[in-house]
Amino acid sequence: MKKLQLIAAMGLIALVTACGTGKRHTTIVENGNGIKVRIEYLGQTYFNAEGTAIKSISPNGYVKYTRDGKELIAESDYHGRITYELNDGGKQTMLDDGGKEFLAQAVKDMIKHGHNADGR
């Protein structure tokens, strides 16, 4: 009986871990007119009022944005601190002007494609 309980407990732990502890995982893909856009996110992402930057991401969440080979990954740690990675250029907490410009374009595109359009 104890073995059965142990197996059931391990199965439950594996299920919760595999499901991202209840966070919503969504992928949006659009491929048309020679343009390919992919948006994948786990948890909630909130944009600033102007729709040009990420205000916050739920703890341990992320958003991945790809358009025509250019990529942005924004991840939040357990405390909600965001790190960015642009085109495999390494993780950083602050973006330079070019990075901010790409982020602004990405956020506008994410909103256009329905990613958290109401969650700003």
Protein backbone atom coordinates (compact mmCIF):
# COMPACT_ATOMS: atom_id res chain seq x y z
CA MET A 1 0.00 0.00 0.00
CA LYS A 2 2.84 2.41 0.80
CA LYS A 3 4.42 1.73 -2.60
CA LEU A 4 1.15 2.62 -4.30
CA GLN A 5 0.92 5.89 -2.32
CA LEU A 6 4.53 6.72 -3.19
CA ILE A 7 3.93 6.07 -6.89
CA ALA A 8 0.76 8.19 -6.82
CA ALA A 9 2.60 11.05 -5.07
CA MET A 10 5.47 10.91 -7.56
CA GLY A 11 2.99 10.93 -10.45
CA LEU A 12 1.24 13.99 -9.03
CA ILE A 13 4.54 15.82 -8.58
CA ALA A 14 5.55 15.00 -12.16
CA LEU A 15 2.20 16.20 -13.47
CA VAL A 16 2.37 19.53 -11.60
CA THR A 17 5.96 20.08 -12.72
CA ALA A 18 5.17 19.28 -16.35
CA CYS A 19 2.21 21.65 -16.39
CA GLY A 20 4.25 24.68 -15.29
CA THR A 21 2.54 24.78 -11.88
CA GLY A 22 -0.75 25.94 -13.33
CA LYS A 23 0.55 28.85 -15.43
CA ARG A 24 -0.98 29.42 -18.82
CA HIS A 25 1.29 28.41 -21.73
CA THR A 26 0.31 29.85 -25.11
CA THR A 27 1.86 29.89 -28.57
CA ILE A 28 0.75 32.18 -31.40
CA VAL A 29 2.13 31.50 -34.89
CA GLU A 30 1.41 33.46 -38.05
CA ASN A 31 2.99 32.74 -41.40
CA GLY A 32 1.82 34.81 -44.32
CA ASN A 33 3.00 37.21 -47.00
CA GLY A 34 6.56 35.97 -46.50
CA ILE A 35 6.58 36.99 -42.84
CA LYS A 36 6.73 34.49 -39.99
CA VAL A 37 5.85 35.57 -36.44
CA ARG A 38 5.96 33.30 -33.39
CA ILE A 39 4.98 34.39 -29.87
CA GLU A 40 5.23 31.94 -27.00
CA TYR A 41 4.62 32.77 -23.38
CA LEU A 42 4.19 31.21 -19.98
CA GLY A 43 2.37 33.15 -17.27
CA GLN A 44 1.23 36.75 -17.61
CA THR A 45 3.11 39.54 -19.37
CA TYR A 46 2.12 43.16 -18.76
CA PHE A 47 3.13 45.99 -21.08
CA ASN A 48 3.57 49.67 -20.29
CA ALA A 49 0.74 52.08 -21.12
CA GLU A 50 2.44 53.17 -24.36
CA GLY A 51 2.69 49.56 -25.58
CA THR A 52 6.44 49.85 -26.12
CA ALA A 53 8.00 47.93 -23.21
CA ILE A 54 7.40 45.09 -20.79
CA LYS A 55 6.26 46.35 -17.40
CA SER A 56 6.31 42.95 -15.69
CA ILE A 57 6.11 39.21 -16.17
CA SER A 58 4.66 36.86 -13.57
CA PRO A 59 7.37 35.13 -11.49
CA ASN A 60 9.15 32.36 -13.41
CA GLY A 61 7.26 33.29 -16.57
CA TYR A 62 8.60 34.21 -19.98
CA VAL A 63 7.74 35.55 -23.40
CA LYS A 64 9.58 34.50 -26.57
CA TYR A 65 9.09 36.53 -29.73
CA THR A 66 10.50 35.69 -33.17
CA ARG A 67 9.96 37.59 -36.41
CA ASP A 68 11.88 36.80 -39.59
CA GLY A 69 14.84 35.30 -37.73
CA LYS A 70 15.15 38.03 -35.09
CA GLU A 71 14.44 36.83 -31.56
CA LEU A 72 13.62 38.33 -28.17
CA ILE A 73 13.37 36.29 -24.98
CA ALA A 74 12.24 38.01 -21.79
CA GLU A 75 12.22 35.91 -18.61
CA SER A 76 11.19 36.68 -15.08
CA ASP A 77 12.88 35.09 -12.08
CA TYR A 78 11.16 34.04 -8.87
CA HIS A 79 11.21 37.67 -7.64
CA GLY A 80 9.84 39.13 -10.88
CA ARG A 81 13.16 40.54 -12.15
CA ILE A 82 13.25 40.49 -15.95
CA THR A 83 16.23 39.48 -18.07
CA TYR A 84 16.33 39.94 -21.83
CA GLU A 85 18.13 38.02 -24.54
CA LEU A 86 18.23 39.42 -28.07
CA ASN A 87 19.28 37.20 -30.98
CA ASP A 88 21.28 34.82 -28.75
CA GLY A 89 23.36 37.75 -27.49
CA GLY A 90 23.45 36.70 -23.84
CA LYS A 91 21.18 37.63 -20.96
CA GLN A 92 21.01 41.23 -19.79
CA THR A 93 18.85 43.26 -17.45
CA MET A 94 19.27 46.60 -19.27
CA LEU A 95 18.87 47.13 -23.01
CA ASP A 96 20.83 49.56 -25.16
CA ASP A 97 19.00 51.92 -27.52
CA GLY A 98 18.90 49.33 -30.34
CA GLY A 99 17.56 46.72 -27.93
CA LYS A 100 14.89 49.09 -26.64
CA GLU A 101 13.84 49.86 -30.21
CA PHE A 102 13.54 46.14 -31.05
CA LEU A 103 11.62 45.54 -27.81
CA ALA A 104 9.20 48.37 -28.66
CA GLN A 105 8.57 46.90 -32.13
CA ALA A 106 8.15 43.41 -30.64
CA VAL A 107 5.66 44.59 -27.99
CA LYS A 108 3.60 46.45 -30.58
CA ASP A 109 3.59 43.33 -32.76
CA MET A 110 2.64 41.10 -29.80
CA ILE A 111 -0.30 43.37 -28.97
CA LYS A 112 -1.33 43.38 -32.64
CA HIS A 113 -1.37 39.57 -32.61
CA GLY A 114 -3.51 39.43 -29.47
CA HIS A 115 -0.91 38.73 -26.80
CA ASN A 116 -2.36 40.28 -23.65
CA ALA A 117 -4.02 43.08 -25.54
CA ASP A 118 -6.21 43.61 -22.47
CA GLY A 119 -3.49 42.93 -19.86
CA ARG A 120 -1.41 46.08 -20.17
